[in-house]
C-alpha atoms as a PDB file:
ATOM      1  CA  MET A   1       0.000   0.000   0.000  1.00  0.00           C
ATOM      2  CA  LEU A   2       2.846   2.424   0.845  1.00  0.00           C
ATOM      3  CA  ASP A   3       4.572   1.625  -2.443  1.00  0.00           C
ATOM      4  CA  GLU A   4       1.365   2.200  -4.404  1.00  0.00           C
ATOM      5  CA  PHE A   5       0.835   5.560  -2.682  1.00  0.00           C
ATOM      6  CA  TRP A   6       4.444   6.584  -3.348  1.00  0.00           C
ATOM      7  CA  ARG A   7       3.995   5.729  -7.036  1.00  0.00           C
ATOM      8  CA  ALA A   8       0.513   7.286  -7.272  1.00  0.00           C
ATOM      9  CA  GLY A   9       1.534   9.471 -10.209  1.00  0.00           C
ATOM     10  CA  ALA A  10       2.771   6.463 -12.179  1.00  0.00           C
ATOM     11  CA  GLN A  11       0.471   4.874 -14.736  1.00  0.00           C
ATOM     12  CA  ASP A  12       1.006   1.397 -13.319  1.00  0.00           C
ATOM     13  CA  ALA A  13       0.039   2.386  -9.748  1.00  0.00           C
ATOM     14  CA  ALA A  14      -3.070   0.687  -8.403  1.00  0.00           C
ATOM     15  CA  PRO A  15      -5.775   3.050  -7.129  1.00  0.00           C
ATOM     16  CA  LEU A  16      -6.101   3.297  -3.356  1.00  0.00           C
ATOM     17  CA  THR A  17      -9.216   3.953  -1.332  1.00  0.00           C
ATOM     18  CA  GLU A  18      -9.362   7.265   0.554  1.00  0.00           C
ATOM     19  CA  ALA A  19      -8.679   5.453   3.841  1.00  0.00           C
ATOM     20  CA  GLU A  20      -5.658   3.622   2.402  1.00  0.00           C
ATOM     21  CA  ALA A  21      -4.302   6.868   0.929  1.00  0.00           C
ATOM     22  CA  LEU A  22      -4.688   8.658   4.271  1.00  0.00           C
ATOM     23  CA  ILE A  23      -2.886   5.890   6.145  1.00  0.00           C
ATOM     24  CA  ALA A  24      -0.084   5.818   3.562  1.00  0.00           C
ATOM     25  CA  TRP A  25       0.244   9.622   3.620  1.00  0.00           C
ATOM     26  CA  THR A  26       0.419   9.567   7.434  1.00  0.00           C
ATOM     27  CA  PHE A  27       3.360   7.170   7.347  1.00  0.00           C
ATOM     28  CA  LEU A  28       5.193   8.623   4.343  1.00  0.00           C
ATOM     29  CA  GLN A  29       4.773  12.399   4.845  1.00  0.00           C
ATOM     30  CA  PRO A  30       7.374  12.814   7.634  1.00  0.00           C
ATOM     31  CA  TYR A  31       9.838  10.692   5.654  1.00  0.00           C
ATOM     32  CA  ALA A  32       9.229  12.732   2.480  1.00  0.00           C
ATOM     33  CA  GLU A  33       9.722  15.992   4.405  1.00  0.00           C
ATOM     34  CA  VAL A  34      13.059  14.789   5.850  1.00  0.00           C
ATOM     35  CA  LEU A  35      14.205  13.690   2.391  1.00  0.00           C
ATOM     36  CA  ALA A  36      13.198  17.076   0.943  1.00  0.00           C
ATOM     37  CA  ASP A  37      15.125  18.908   3.675  1.00  0.00           C
ATOM     38  CA  ARG A  38      18.243  16.921   2.755  1.00  0.00           C
ATOM     39  CA  THR A  39      17.892  17.273  -1.012  1.00  0.00           C
ATOM     40  CA  ALA A  40      19.433  20.146  -2.950  1.00  0.00           C
ATOM     41  CA  ARG A  41      16.895  22.399  -4.609  1.00  0.00           C
ATOM     42  CA  PRO A  42      17.019  22.717  -8.406  1.00  0.00           C
ATOM     43  CA  ASP A  43      18.970  25.839  -9.424  1.00  0.00           C
ATOM     44  CA  GLY A  44      17.305  28.727 -11.191  1.00  0.00           C
ATOM     45  CA  GLY A  45      13.774  28.467  -9.874  1.00  0.00           C
ATOM     46  CA  ALA A  46      10.795  29.199 -12.094  1.00  0.00           C
ATOM     47  CA  GLU A  47      12.856  31.168 -14.652  1.00  0.00           C
ATOM     48  CA  VAL A  48      14.831  28.088 -15.715  1.00  0.00           C
ATOM     49  CA  HIS A  49      12.334  25.300 -15.088  1.00  0.00           C
ATOM     50  CA  GLY A  50       9.116  27.019 -16.166  1.00  0.00           C
ATOM     51  CA  THR A  51       6.149  26.952 -13.827  1.00  0.00           C
ATOM     52  CA  PRO A  52       5.966  23.398 -12.523  1.00  0.00           C
ATOM     53  CA  PRO A  53       2.481  22.455 -11.287  1.00  0.00           C
ATOM     54  CA  LEU A  54       3.970  19.576  -9.274  1.00  0.00           C
ATOM     55  CA  CYS A  55       6.609  19.681  -6.566  1.00  0.00           C
ATOM     56  CA  PRO A  56      10.066  19.864  -8.174  1.00  0.00           C
ATOM     57  CA  LEU A  57      11.430  17.427  -5.562  1.00  0.00           C
ATOM     58  CA  CYS A  58       8.816  14.690  -5.144  1.00  0.00           C
ATOM     59  CA  ALA A  59       6.232  15.453  -7.872  1.00  0.00           C
ATOM     60  CA  GLY A  60       3.511  15.868  -5.224  1.00  0.00           C
ATOM     61  CA  ARG A  61       0.487  18.040  -5.896  1.00  0.00           C
ATOM     62  CA  PRO A  62       0.257  21.420  -4.147  1.00  0.00           C
ATOM     63  CA  LEU A  63      -1.643  21.627  -0.875  1.00  0.00           C
ATOM     64  CA  ALA A  64      -1.744  25.408  -0.552  1.00  0.00           C
ATOM     65  CA  GLY A  65      -0.533  28.603  -2.102  1.00  0.00           C
ATOM     66  CA  VAL A  66       1.426  31.327  -0.317  1.00  0.00           C
ATOM     67  CA  LEU A  67       1.658  35.021  -1.114  1.00  0.00           C
ATOM     68  CA  ARG A  68       4.845  36.600   0.240  1.00  0.00           C
ATOM     69  CA  PRO A  69       5.665  40.328   0.173  1.00  0.00           C
ATOM     70  CA  LEU A  70       7.763  41.425  -2.807  1.00  0.00           C
ATOM     71  CA  GLY A  71       8.256  45.124  -3.442  1.00  0.00           C
ATOM     72  CA  ASP A  72       4.836  46.788  -3.526  1.00  0.00           C
ATOM     73  CA  GLY A  73       3.058  43.492  -4.230  1.00  0.00           C
ATOM     74  CA  ALA A  74       3.409  39.816  -3.516  1.00  0.00           C
ATOM     75  CA  LYS A  75       4.910  36.748  -5.173  1.00  0.00           C
ATOM     76  CA  ARG A  76       3.159  33.403  -5.181  1.00  0.00           C
ATOM     77  CA  SER A  77       4.528  30.003  -4.301  1.00  0.00           C
ATOM     78  CA  LEU A  78       2.982  26.592  -3.761  1.00  0.00           C
ATOM     79  CA  VAL A  79       3.492  24.161  -0.864  1.00  0.00           C
ATOM     80  CA  CYS A  80       3.739  20.434  -1.616  1.00  0.00           C
ATOM     81  CA  SER A  81       1.105  18.209  -0.027  1.00  0.00           C
ATOM     82  CA  LEU A  82       3.628  15.422   0.577  1.00  0.00           C
ATOM     83  CA  CYS A  83       7.111  16.795   1.326  1.00  0.00           C
ATOM     84  CA  ALA A  84       6.137  20.383   2.296  1.00  0.00           C
ATOM     85  CA  THR A  85       8.597  21.872  -0.208  1.00  0.00           C
ATOM     86  CA  GLU A  86       7.712  25.386  -1.320  1.00  0.00           C
ATOM     87  CA  TRP A  87       8.375  26.464  -4.907  1.00  0.00           C
ATOM     88  CA  GLU A  88       7.690  29.622  -6.902  1.00  0.00           C
ATOM     89  CA  TYR A  89       4.629  29.651  -9.119  1.00  0.00           C
ATOM     90  CA  ARG A  90       3.143  32.348 -11.343  1.00  0.00           C
ATOM     91  CA  ARG A  91       0.242  34.243  -9.755  1.00  0.00           C
ATOM     92  CA  ILE A  92      -2.218  34.127 -12.633  1.00  0.00           C
ATOM     93  CA  VAL A  93      -2.069  30.424 -13.526  1.00  0.00           C
ATOM     94  CA  CYS A  94      -4.216  27.522 -12.342  1.00  0.00           C
ATOM     95  CA  PRO A  95      -1.997  24.906 -10.668  1.00  0.00           C
ATOM     96  CA  ALA A  96      -4.376  22.125 -11.765  1.00  0.00           C
ATOM     97  CA  CYS A  97      -4.768  22.758 -15.509  1.00  0.00           C
ATOM     98  CA  GLY A  98      -2.464  25.662 -16.401  1.00  0.00           C
ATOM     99  CA  GLU A  99      -5.279  28.078 -17.315  1.00  0.00           C
ATOM    100  CA  GLY A 100      -3.843  31.596 -17.572  1.00  0.00           C
ATOM    101  CA  SER A 101      -6.847  33.749 -18.477  1.00  0.00           C
ATOM    102  CA  VAL A 102      -7.581  36.153 -15.636  1.00  0.00           C
ATOM    103  CA  ASP A 103     -11.296  36.050 -16.548  1.00  0.00           C
ATOM    104  CA  LYS A 104     -11.413  32.321 -15.742  1.00  0.00           C
ATOM    105  CA  LEU A 105      -9.471  32.524 -12.452  1.00  0.00           C
ATOM    106  CA  PRO A 106     -11.736  34.083  -9.808  1.00  0.00           C
ATOM    107  CA  VAL A 107     -10.460  34.749  -6.288  1.00  0.00           C
ATOM    108  CA  TYR A 108     -12.871  34.467  -3.364  1.00  0.00           C
ATOM    109  CA  VAL A 109     -12.422  35.669   0.219  1.00  0.00           C
ATOM    110  CA  ALA A 110     -14.676  35.252   3.251  1.00  0.00           C
ATOM    111  CA  GLU A 111     -16.623  38.483   3.675  1.00  0.00           C
ATOM    112  CA  GLY A 112     -17.145  39.601   7.250  1.00  0.00           C
ATOM    113  CA  ALA A 113     -14.843  36.930   8.691  1.00  0.00           C
ATOM    114  CA  GLU A 114     -11.885  38.890  10.036  1.00  0.00           C
ATOM    115  CA  GLU A 115     -10.233  35.722  11.352  1.00  0.00           C
ATOM    116  CA  LEU A 116      -9.998  34.407   7.751  1.00  0.00           C
ATOM    117  CA  ASP A 117      -9.377  37.628   5.814  1.00  0.00           C
ATOM    118  CA  TYR A 118      -5.863  36.481   4.836  1.00  0.00           C
ATOM    119  CA  VAL A 119      -7.009  33.146   3.342  1.00  0.00           C
ATOM    120  CA  ARG A 120      -8.327  33.161  -0.218  1.00  0.00           C
ATOM    121  CA  VAL A 121      -9.827  30.592  -2.529  1.00  0.00           C
ATOM    122  CA  GLU A 122      -8.159  30.780  -5.928  1.00  0.00           C
ATOM    123  CA  ALA A 123     -10.491  28.933  -8.301  1.00  0.00           C
ATOM    124  CA  CYS A 124     -10.429  27.971 -11.958  1.00  0.00           C
ATOM    125  CA  ASP A 125     -13.629  28.061 -13.964  1.00  0.00           C
ATOM    126  CA  THR A 126     -12.011  25.972 -16.723  1.00  0.00           C
ATOM    127  CA  CYS A 127     -11.217  22.811 -14.726  1.00  0.00           C
ATOM    128  CA  ARG A 128     -13.340  23.648 -11.624  1.00  0.00           C
ATOM    129  CA  HIS A 129     -10.413  23.116  -9.216  1.00  0.00           C
ATOM    130  CA  TYR A 130      -9.282  25.444  -6.448  1.00  0.00           C
ATOM    131  CA  ILE A 131      -6.443  25.993  -4.030  1.00  0.00           C
ATOM    132  CA  LYS A 132      -6.478  27.958  -0.801  1.00  0.00           C
ATOM    133  CA  THR A 133      -3.775  30.608  -0.645  1.00  0.00           C
ATOM    134  CA  ILE A 134      -2.452  32.165   2.547  1.00  0.00           C
ATOM    135  CA  ASP A 135      -1.664  35.864   2.095  1.00  0.00           C
ATOM    136  CA  LEU A 136       1.342  36.642   4.291  1.00  0.00           C
ATOM    137  CA  THR A 137       1.133  40.301   3.246  1.00  0.00           C
ATOM    138  CA  LYS A 138      -2.020  40.494   5.390  1.00  0.00           C
ATOM    139  CA  ASN A 139      -0.928  38.172   8.210  1.00  0.00           C
ATOM    140  CA  GLY A 140       2.816  37.643   8.434  1.00  0.00           C
ATOM    141  CA  ARG A 141       2.459  35.247  11.369  1.00  0.00           C
ATOM    142  CA  ALA A 142       0.309  32.755   9.492  1.00  0.00           C
ATOM    143  CA  VAL A 143       1.573  29.206   8.998  1.00  0.00           C
ATOM    144  CA  PRO A 144       0.366  28.170   5.523  1.00  0.00           C
ATOM    145  CA  VAL A 145      -0.194  24.439   6.141  1.00  0.00           C
ATOM    146  CA  VAL A 146      -1.918  25.048   9.495  1.00  0.00           C
ATOM    147  CA  ASP A 147      -4.040  27.975   8.298  1.00  0.00           C
ATOM    148  CA  GLU A 148      -5.066  26.088   5.165  1.00  0.00           C
ATOM    149  CA  LEU A 149      -6.375  23.330   7.405  1.00  0.00           C
ATOM    150  CA  ALA A 150      -8.084  25.811   9.756  1.00  0.00           C
ATOM    151  CA  ALA A 151     -10.000  27.455   6.903  1.00  0.00           C
ATOM    152  CA  ILE A 152     -12.486  24.590   6.557  1.00  0.00           C
ATOM    153  CA  PRO A 153     -15.453  26.933   5.948  1.00  0.00           C
ATOM    154  CA  LEU A 154     -13.806  28.074   2.713  1.00  0.00           C
ATOM    155  CA  SER A 155     -13.357  24.453   1.586  1.00  0.00           C
ATOM    156  CA  LEU A 156     -17.023  23.742   2.309  1.00  0.00           C
ATOM    157  CA  TRP A 157     -18.069  26.870   0.398  1.00  0.00           C
ATOM    158  CA  ALA A 158     -15.908  25.892  -2.589  1.00  0.00           C
ATOM    159  CA  ALA A 159     -17.353  22.357  -2.657  1.00  0.00           C
ATOM    160  CA  GLU A 160     -20.916  23.735  -2.474  1.00  0.00           C
ATOM    161  CA  ASN A 161     -20.089  25.904  -5.492  1.00  0.00           C
ATOM    162  CA  GLY A 162     -18.822  23.017  -7.597  1.00  0.00           C
ATOM    163  CA  TYR A 163     -15.060  23.331  -7.107  1.00  0.00           C
ATOM    164  CA  THR A 164     -12.722  20.445  -6.262  1.00  0.00           C
ATOM    165  CA  LYS A 165      -9.511  20.966  -4.322  1.00  0.00           C
ATOM    166  CA  VAL A 166      -6.253  20.414  -6.218  1.00  0.00           C
ATOM    167  CA  SER A 167      -4.980  18.238  -3.341  1.00  0.00           C
ATOM    168  CA  ALA A 168      -6.858  17.185  -0.228  1.00  0.00           C
ATOM    169  CA  ASN A 169      -5.481  18.061   3.204  1.00  0.00           C
ATOM    170  CA  LEU A 170      -5.136  15.757   6.223  1.00  0.00           C
ATOM    171  CA  LEU A 171      -8.901  15.893   6.841  1.00  0.00           C
ATOM    172  CA  GLY A 172      -9.671  14.928   3.255  1.00  0.00           C
ATOM    173  CA  LEU A 173     -10.952  18.412   2.446  1.00  0.00           C
END
């Protein structure tokens, strides 16, 4: 089961149930994070390697996006759902399908919820996927993986509106 989960992106990998995938992720995630910490990052970043939608170290799907201050704006990166590696990613591109039209990439925020005003749902109307992005320009003390998990109401709203998450979190949301 662990081997099948590890090879989930491979064509010959057998499909796992949600419960099996959760158990495998629970065992393999700490190991993947340690391996990522001990692996050299590819040189050049997004300029040399394009905009990879999968983790450049383990090929995991992104769990969350992060906006970090840069000049008068912010730059976007993605956080891997398996090894927790963070890599640069263009702001106006869907990490699920590569859509780049700003008209098809709506951004939603929770109105009237001050405790979640720094978490946004970045959706794609082409593939109907979304990713939650933590805006560190609004809350510099946020922890992206933790705050993504804490923003369950946004995941429920997105699901009610027909969007599917690019990669499920520990709770399967």
